[in-house]
Amino acid sequence: MLLAEAAGKEFALIDDKYLKPLRNSVAHTILKPDESELKADDALDLEKINRWLSIAKCIARQLLLNDFSAELS
C-alpha cells in the first residue's frame, strides 16, 4: 500500500521529510535510551516505524537496481 504522503514524490523528498527524522529518532532511542523519543513498547511508536517500512524497502530496492542493474542481468 502506498502512503498518500509518498505518492508522486521523489525519493529524496520522502527521505528528507519522513525517513531521516524517523531514522534519527530510532538512533537516539538506541544511543541514548534515557532521552529516547520512541518507546519500543509503545504501539504508536511501532506504528510510525511500520508505516514507513515498506516504502523504505521499495526505495532501497530501486536504488540498488539503479546502481547495480548490470550485475543483476
Protein backbone atom coordinates (compact mmCIF):
# COMPACT_ATOMS: atom_id res chain seq x y z
CA MET A 1 0.00 0.00 0.00
CA LEU A 2 1.34 3.39 -1.00
CA LEU A 3 1.04 6.13 1.58
CA ALA A 4 -0.65 9.33 0.46
CA GLU A 5 2.34 11.32 1.74
CA ALA A 6 4.67 9.37 -0.57
CA ALA A 7 2.51 9.16 -3.70
CA GLY A 8 4.11 11.01 -6.60
CA LYS A 9 7.01 12.29 -4.51
CA GLU A 10 10.70 11.94 -5.34
CA PHE A 11 12.76 9.57 -3.23
CA ALA A 12 14.92 12.43 -1.92
CA LEU A 13 11.89 14.33 -0.64
CA ILE A 14 10.45 11.25 1.07
CA ASP A 15 13.83 10.55 2.62
CA ASP A 16 14.37 14.10 3.86
CA LYS A 17 10.86 14.73 5.13
CA TYR A 18 9.86 11.36 6.58
CA LEU A 19 12.56 8.70 6.68
CA LYS A 20 15.54 10.64 8.07
CA PRO A 21 13.62 12.09 11.02
CA LEU A 22 12.29 8.63 11.85
CA ARG A 23 15.77 7.09 11.48
CA ASN A 24 17.19 9.77 13.78
CA SER A 25 14.52 9.06 16.40
CA VAL A 26 15.35 5.35 16.28
CA ALA A 27 19.08 6.05 16.52
CA HIS A 28 18.61 8.36 19.50
CA THR A 29 16.49 5.71 21.17
CA ILE A 30 19.30 3.18 20.79
CA LEU A 31 22.19 5.50 21.67
CA LYS A 32 20.50 7.50 24.44
CA PRO A 33 17.78 5.33 25.98
CA ASP A 34 17.22 7.78 28.85
CA GLU A 35 16.39 10.56 26.38
CA SER A 36 14.61 8.43 23.82
CA GLU A 37 11.98 9.87 21.55
CA LEU A 38 10.48 6.46 20.75
CA LYS A 39 9.45 3.66 23.04
CA ALA A 40 9.78 0.06 21.84
CA ASP A 41 6.67 -0.99 23.74
CA ASP A 42 4.55 1.96 22.62
CA ALA A 43 2.11 0.87 19.92
CA LEU A 44 2.00 4.35 18.36
CA ASP A 45 5.78 4.44 18.01
CA LEU A 46 5.85 0.97 16.46
CA GLU A 47 3.12 2.04 14.05
CA LYS A 48 5.26 5.03 12.96
CA ILE A 49 8.09 2.68 12.07
CA ASN A 50 5.95 0.01 10.43
CA ARG A 51 4.05 2.62 8.44
CA TRP A 52 7.18 3.70 6.56
CA LEU A 53 8.98 0.35 6.43
CA SER A 54 7.52 -0.86 3.13
CA ILE A 55 8.23 2.50 1.46
CA ALA A 56 11.83 2.39 2.73
CA LYS A 57 12.25 -1.16 1.35
CA CYS A 58 10.87 -0.14 -2.06
CA ILE A 59 13.20 2.85 -2.25
CA ALA A 60 16.18 0.71 -1.23
CA ARG A 61 15.36 -1.91 -3.87
CA GLN A 62 15.01 0.71 -6.59
CA LEU A 63 18.26 2.42 -5.64
CA LEU A 64 20.06 -0.94 -5.71
CA LEU A 65 18.57 -1.74 -9.11
CA ASN A 66 19.64 1.67 -10.41
CA ASP A 67 23.20 1.25 -9.14
CA PHE A 68 23.73 -2.46 -9.83
CA SER A 69 21.48 -3.30 -12.77
CA ALA A 70 24.42 -4.57 -14.87
CA GLU A 71 25.41 -7.04 -12.15
CA LEU A 72 21.84 -8.35 -11.89
CA SER A 73 21.36 -9.14 -15.59
